[in-house]
Amino acid sequence: MSENTLHFIISGYNQEKYIKKTFDRLKRIISETNLQDYKIYISNDGSKDNTKQEVLKIIETHKEVEFFDFDKNIGLNKTIEFFLDKNLPGKFTHIPGDDDLDDIFLRNLINNAFKADFVSGFFINKENRSAFRNILSSIYNTSMCFLFGVYVNYLQGPGVWPIKSVNNIKIHTKQICFWTELNIKLLRSNITYTETFGYMNRPVVASTSLNLSSFIEIFKVLRILIKDIYFGKKYKNKAKRIIITNNESY
């Protein structure tokens, strides 16, 4: 492994139907992009279905894949923190185990992974989510960007993160706010960033991210970011945007 290694974390919670499809799609795109320096990890976050059994079938024929098997549901943020504790060189990206990222999104993430320190991604086909969800997401993202002086299309989207820089950031929140806190603090650091995009493979039937605990976390992340950015000394910079012109689209 080196600073040019791209680590893929496929997360699975009750994804017995899609986890292998996710893995197969990722492997195919890696092959098509001719990516050589990479490592794949698959997590089972205490699933109650047969996700674990499906992952075990994958690693039977792909010994190079590393398996994170958690007995109980610890949450995506804890899975990411478990990976980060390894202090590996390079960058990482998170791939949802529901096969939601299409070929174009995966290719754009891989092809642009090292063109800036941080790559932020957003979805084009927002019509695959309900109007209510889109309204809430737009209000949330616009408000957070305005309050903390950062400018990206989607603070909770797929991306590519620099491991060393992320490990220098203290994250206090979880759920969707984990990504909000991490990305805003990165964007208020002395790094470079760029944006890429892609598509959802299918409509979102229901969301598990909109509940009372999520709103509690939103108030928590607001308090933390105000304290750390407005009254702290660390996050006084602004990341520099890198313009890329080879994003793939339909």
Protein backbone atom coordinates (compact mmCIF):
# COMPACT_ATOMS: atom_id res chain seq x y z
CA MET A 1 0.00 0.00 0.00
CA SER A 2 1.05 3.57 -0.67
CA GLU A 3 -0.30 7.11 -0.73
CA ASN A 4 -1.78 6.18 -4.12
CA THR A 5 -3.86 3.33 -2.73
CA LEU A 6 -7.63 3.72 -3.04
CA HIS A 7 -9.56 1.87 -0.35
CA PHE A 8 -13.19 0.90 -1.02
CA ILE A 9 -15.45 0.31 1.99
CA ILE A 10 -18.66 -1.49 1.03
CA SER A 11 -21.10 -1.22 3.92
CA GLY A 12 -23.89 -3.73 4.39
CA TYR A 13 -26.81 -3.71 6.79
CA ASN A 14 -29.61 -6.09 5.80
CA GLN A 15 -28.41 -6.04 2.18
CA GLU A 16 -28.53 -9.75 1.31
CA LYS A 17 -30.26 -8.91 -1.96
CA TYR A 18 -27.78 -6.30 -3.15
CA ILE A 19 -24.37 -6.80 -1.50
CA LYS A 20 -23.02 -9.13 -4.21
CA LYS A 21 -24.42 -6.93 -6.97
CA THR A 22 -22.60 -4.00 -5.36
CA PHE A 23 -19.35 -5.93 -5.19
CA ASP A 24 -19.61 -7.28 -8.74
CA ARG A 25 -20.36 -3.83 -10.15
CA LEU A 26 -17.41 -2.31 -8.29
CA LYS A 27 -15.00 -5.03 -9.44
CA ARG A 28 -16.12 -4.58 -13.03
CA ILE A 29 -15.63 -0.80 -12.94
CA ILE A 30 -12.23 -1.19 -11.27
CA SER A 31 -11.21 -3.49 -14.11
CA GLU A 32 -12.57 -1.12 -16.77
CA THR A 33 -10.72 1.87 -15.30
CA ASN A 34 -7.53 -0.17 -15.00
CA LEU A 35 -7.10 0.80 -11.35
CA GLN A 36 -4.15 -1.18 -9.95
CA ASP A 37 -3.48 0.10 -6.42
CA TYR A 38 -6.61 -0.60 -4.39
CA LYS A 39 -8.11 -2.61 -1.55
CA ILE A 40 -11.74 -3.64 -0.96
CA TYR A 41 -13.36 -4.05 2.45
CA ILE A 42 -16.90 -5.28 3.08
CA SER A 43 -18.65 -4.68 6.40
CA ASN A 44 -21.61 -6.52 7.87
CA ASP A 45 -23.10 -4.12 10.39
CA GLY A 46 -24.99 -6.61 12.56
CA SER A 47 -27.43 -7.55 9.81
CA LYS A 48 -30.50 -9.58 10.75
CA ASP A 49 -30.81 -11.18 7.33
CA ASN A 50 -28.30 -13.26 5.33
CA THR A 51 -25.92 -10.43 4.48
CA LYS A 52 -23.08 -12.13 6.35
CA GLN A 53 -23.56 -15.37 4.43
CA GLU A 54 -23.53 -13.49 1.13
CA VAL A 55 -20.29 -11.75 2.08
CA LEU A 56 -18.69 -15.06 3.08
CA LYS A 57 -19.53 -16.41 -0.38
CA ILE A 58 -17.76 -13.41 -1.91
CA ILE A 59 -14.57 -13.83 0.08
CA GLU A 60 -14.45 -17.55 -0.69
CA THR A 61 -13.49 -16.63 -4.25
CA HIS A 62 -11.92 -13.22 -3.53
CA LYS A 63 -9.41 -13.81 -0.75
CA GLU A 64 -8.03 -10.31 -1.13
CA VAL A 65 -11.24 -8.78 0.25
CA GLU A 66 -11.12 -7.88 3.95
CA PHE A 67 -14.28 -8.55 5.97
CA PHE A 68 -15.44 -6.37 8.88
CA ASP A 69 -18.05 -8.46 10.70
CA PHE A 70 -19.84 -6.72 13.57
CA ASP A 71 -22.15 -8.70 15.85
CA LYS A 72 -24.45 -5.73 16.40
CA ASN A 73 -25.46 -2.67 14.42
CA ILE A 74 -22.82 -0.05 15.30
CA GLY A 75 -23.65 2.44 12.55
CA LEU A 76 -21.81 3.54 9.44
CA ASN A 77 -19.77 6.19 11.27
CA LYS A 78 -18.34 3.55 13.62
CA THR A 79 -17.53 1.31 10.65
CA ILE A 80 -15.60 4.16 9.02
CA GLU A 81 -13.84 4.92 12.30
CA PHE A 82 -12.90 1.24 12.63
CA PHE A 83 -11.25 1.44 9.20
CA LEU A 84 -9.54 4.76 9.95
CA ASP A 85 -8.00 3.32 13.13
CA LYS A 86 -5.80 1.19 10.87
CA ASN A 87 -3.92 4.39 9.90
CA LEU A 88 -3.37 3.21 6.34
CA PRO A 89 -1.86 5.37 3.59
CA GLY A 90 -3.91 6.64 0.67
CA LYS A 91 -7.57 7.56 0.31
CA PHE A 92 -10.89 5.87 0.95
CA THR A 93 -14.35 5.90 -0.53
CA HIS A 94 -17.59 4.51 0.87
CA ILE A 95 -19.77 2.35 -1.37
CA PRO A 96 -23.31 1.69 -0.03
CA GLY A 97 -24.10 -2.02 -0.13
CA ASP A 98 -27.52 -1.41 -1.70
CA ASP A 99 -26.02 -1.10 -5.22
CA ASP A 100 -27.26 2.48 -5.40
CA LEU A 101 -24.25 3.99 -7.21
CA ASP A 102 -24.36 3.54 -10.97
CA ASP A 103 -21.44 2.81 -13.29
CA ILE A 104 -20.88 6.47 -14.10
CA PHE A 105 -20.65 7.50 -10.45
CA LEU A 106 -18.16 4.72 -9.67
CA ARG A 107 -16.03 5.57 -12.71
CA ASN A 108 -16.04 9.28 -11.88
CA LEU A 109 -15.01 8.61 -8.28
CA ILE A 110 -12.15 6.35 -9.39
CA ASN A 111 -10.93 8.50 -12.29
CA ASN A 112 -10.92 11.69 -10.20
CA ALA A 113 -9.81 10.19 -6.89
CA PHE A 114 -6.35 11.75 -6.94
CA LYS A 115 -7.04 14.97 -8.84
CA ALA A 116 -7.68 16.79 -5.56
CA ASP A 117 -7.28 15.99 -1.88
CA PHE A 118 -11.02 15.59 -1.36
CA VAL A 119 -13.58 14.60 -4.00
CA SER A 120 -17.20 15.47 -3.21
CA GLY A 121 -19.96 13.75 -5.17
CA PHE A 122 -23.62 14.50 -5.86
CA PHE A 123 -26.53 12.81 -7.62
CA ILE A 124 -27.97 14.13 -10.88
CA ASN A 125 -31.28 12.24 -10.89
CA LYS A 126 -32.80 13.72 -7.75
CA GLU A 127 -36.25 12.82 -9.09
CA ASN A 128 -35.58 9.33 -7.71
CA ARG A 129 -36.27 10.77 -4.28
CA SER A 130 -39.55 12.21 -3.07
CA ALA A 131 -40.24 15.93 -3.40
CA PHE A 132 -40.40 16.21 0.41
CA ARG A 133 -37.00 14.53 0.80
CA ASN A 134 -35.50 16.78 -1.87
CA ILE A 135 -36.86 19.91 -0.19
CA LEU A 136 -35.47 18.91 3.21
CA SER A 137 -32.12 17.95 1.71
CA SER A 138 -31.84 21.22 -0.23
CA ILE A 139 -32.69 23.33 2.81
CA TYR A 140 -30.25 21.40 4.98
CA ASN A 141 -27.37 21.50 2.50
CA THR A 142 -27.85 25.16 1.53
CA SER A 143 -28.13 26.26 5.17
CA MET A 144 -25.01 24.38 6.23
CA CYS A 145 -22.98 25.69 3.30
CA PHE A 146 -24.14 29.27 3.94
CA LEU A 147 -23.52 29.15 7.68
CA PHE A 148 -20.00 27.78 7.41
CA GLY A 149 -18.80 29.31 4.17
CA VAL A 150 -18.36 26.18 2.05
CA TYR A 151 -19.67 25.51 -1.42
CA VAL A 152 -20.49 21.99 -2.62
CA ASN A 153 -23.62 20.50 -4.14
CA TYR A 154 -24.17 17.76 -1.57
CA LEU A 155 -22.51 17.48 1.84
CA GLN A 156 -23.72 13.89 2.40
CA GLY A 157 -22.91 12.48 -1.01
CA PRO A 158 -20.44 9.80 -2.07
CA GLY A 159 -16.84 10.96 -2.20
CA VAL A 160 -13.16 10.20 -1.87
CA TRP A 161 -11.45 11.22 1.36
CA PRO A 162 -7.73 11.61 2.25
CA ILE A 163 -7.08 9.28 5.19
CA LYS A 164 -4.33 11.34 6.80
CA SER A 165 -6.37 14.56 6.74
CA VAL A 166 -9.49 12.81 8.04
CA ASN A 167 -7.54 11.29 10.91
CA ASN A 168 -6.56 14.79 11.99
CA ILE A 169 -10.21 15.73 12.42
CA LYS A 170 -12.23 15.00 15.54
CA ILE A 171 -15.76 13.92 14.61
CA HIS A 172 -18.43 14.07 17.32
CA THR A 173 -21.60 13.18 15.41
CA LYS A 174 -23.17 10.19 13.69
CA GLN A 175 -25.74 9.30 11.00
CA ILE A 176 -25.94 11.86 8.17
CA CYS A 177 -24.29 14.46 10.40
CA PHE A 178 -21.08 12.42 10.49
CA TRP A 179 -20.51 13.28 6.82
CA THR A 180 -21.65 16.88 7.31
CA GLU A 181 -19.20 17.51 10.13
CA LEU A 182 -16.34 15.73 8.37
CA ASN A 183 -16.84 17.42 5.01
CA ILE A 184 -17.33 20.93 6.37
CA LYS A 185 -14.22 20.63 8.52
CA LEU A 186 -12.26 19.34 5.52
CA LEU A 187 -13.53 22.23 3.41
CA ARG A 188 -12.42 24.63 6.12
CA SER A 189 -8.89 23.18 5.97
CA ASN A 190 -5.87 23.89 3.82
CA ILE A 191 -6.61 21.24 1.17
CA THR A 192 -7.81 21.06 -2.42
CA TYR A 193 -11.19 19.70 -3.46
CA THR A 194 -13.22 18.99 -6.54
CA GLU A 195 -16.72 17.74 -7.35
CA THR A 196 -17.99 14.88 -9.42
CA PHE A 197 -21.39 13.28 -9.98
CA GLY A 198 -23.37 10.24 -10.99
CA TYR A 199 -26.76 8.64 -10.78
CA MET A 200 -28.86 6.53 -8.42
CA ASN A 201 -29.62 3.12 -9.84
CA ARG A 202 -33.25 3.12 -8.71
CA PRO A 203 -35.84 5.22 -6.86
CA VAL A 204 -35.57 5.52 -3.10
CA VAL A 205 -38.58 3.72 -1.62
CA ALA A 206 -38.01 4.78 1.98
CA SER A 207 -35.33 6.56 3.98
CA THR A 208 -33.94 5.51 7.34
CA SER A 209 -32.12 8.81 7.81
CA LEU A 210 -35.17 10.96 8.63
CA ASN A 211 -36.19 10.36 12.23
CA LEU A 212 -36.13 12.08 15.62
CA SER A 213 -32.55 11.06 16.37
CA SER A 214 -31.46 12.57 13.04
CA PHE A 215 -32.94 15.94 13.98
CA ILE A 216 -31.23 15.74 17.38
CA GLU A 217 -27.95 15.09 15.59
CA ILE A 218 -28.55 18.10 13.32
CA PHE A 219 -28.80 20.41 16.34
CA LYS A 220 -25.71 18.74 17.78
CA VAL A 221 -23.63 19.22 14.63
CA LEU A 222 -24.74 22.85 14.41
CA ARG A 223 -23.55 23.48 17.95
CA ILE A 224 -20.24 21.69 17.34
CA LEU A 225 -19.50 23.41 14.03
CA ILE A 226 -20.33 26.86 15.41
CA LYS A 227 -18.01 26.22 18.34
CA ASP A 228 -15.15 24.75 16.31
CA ILE A 229 -15.30 27.09 13.29
CA TYR A 230 -16.43 30.41 14.74
CA PHE A 231 -14.74 30.17 18.13
CA GLY A 232 -11.93 27.69 17.54
CA LYS A 233 -8.56 28.22 15.91
CA LYS A 234 -8.21 25.18 13.66
CA TYR A 235 -10.73 25.62 10.84
CA LYS A 236 -9.94 29.11 9.59
CA ASN A 237 -8.83 28.18 6.07
CA LYS A 238 -10.83 27.60 2.90
CA ALA A 239 -10.18 24.62 0.67
CA LYS A 240 -9.14 25.43 -2.91
CA ARG A 241 -11.42 24.15 -5.66
CA ILE A 242 -9.82 22.23 -8.52
CA ILE A 243 -11.74 22.35 -11.81
CA ILE A 244 -11.94 19.02 -13.64
CA THR A 245 -13.32 18.63 -17.13
CA ASN A 246 -13.46 14.88 -17.75
CA ASN A 247 -16.44 13.85 -15.61
CA GLU A 248 -18.35 11.14 -17.46
CA SER A 249 -22.07 11.53 -18.12
CA TYR A 250 -24.74 9.94 -20.25
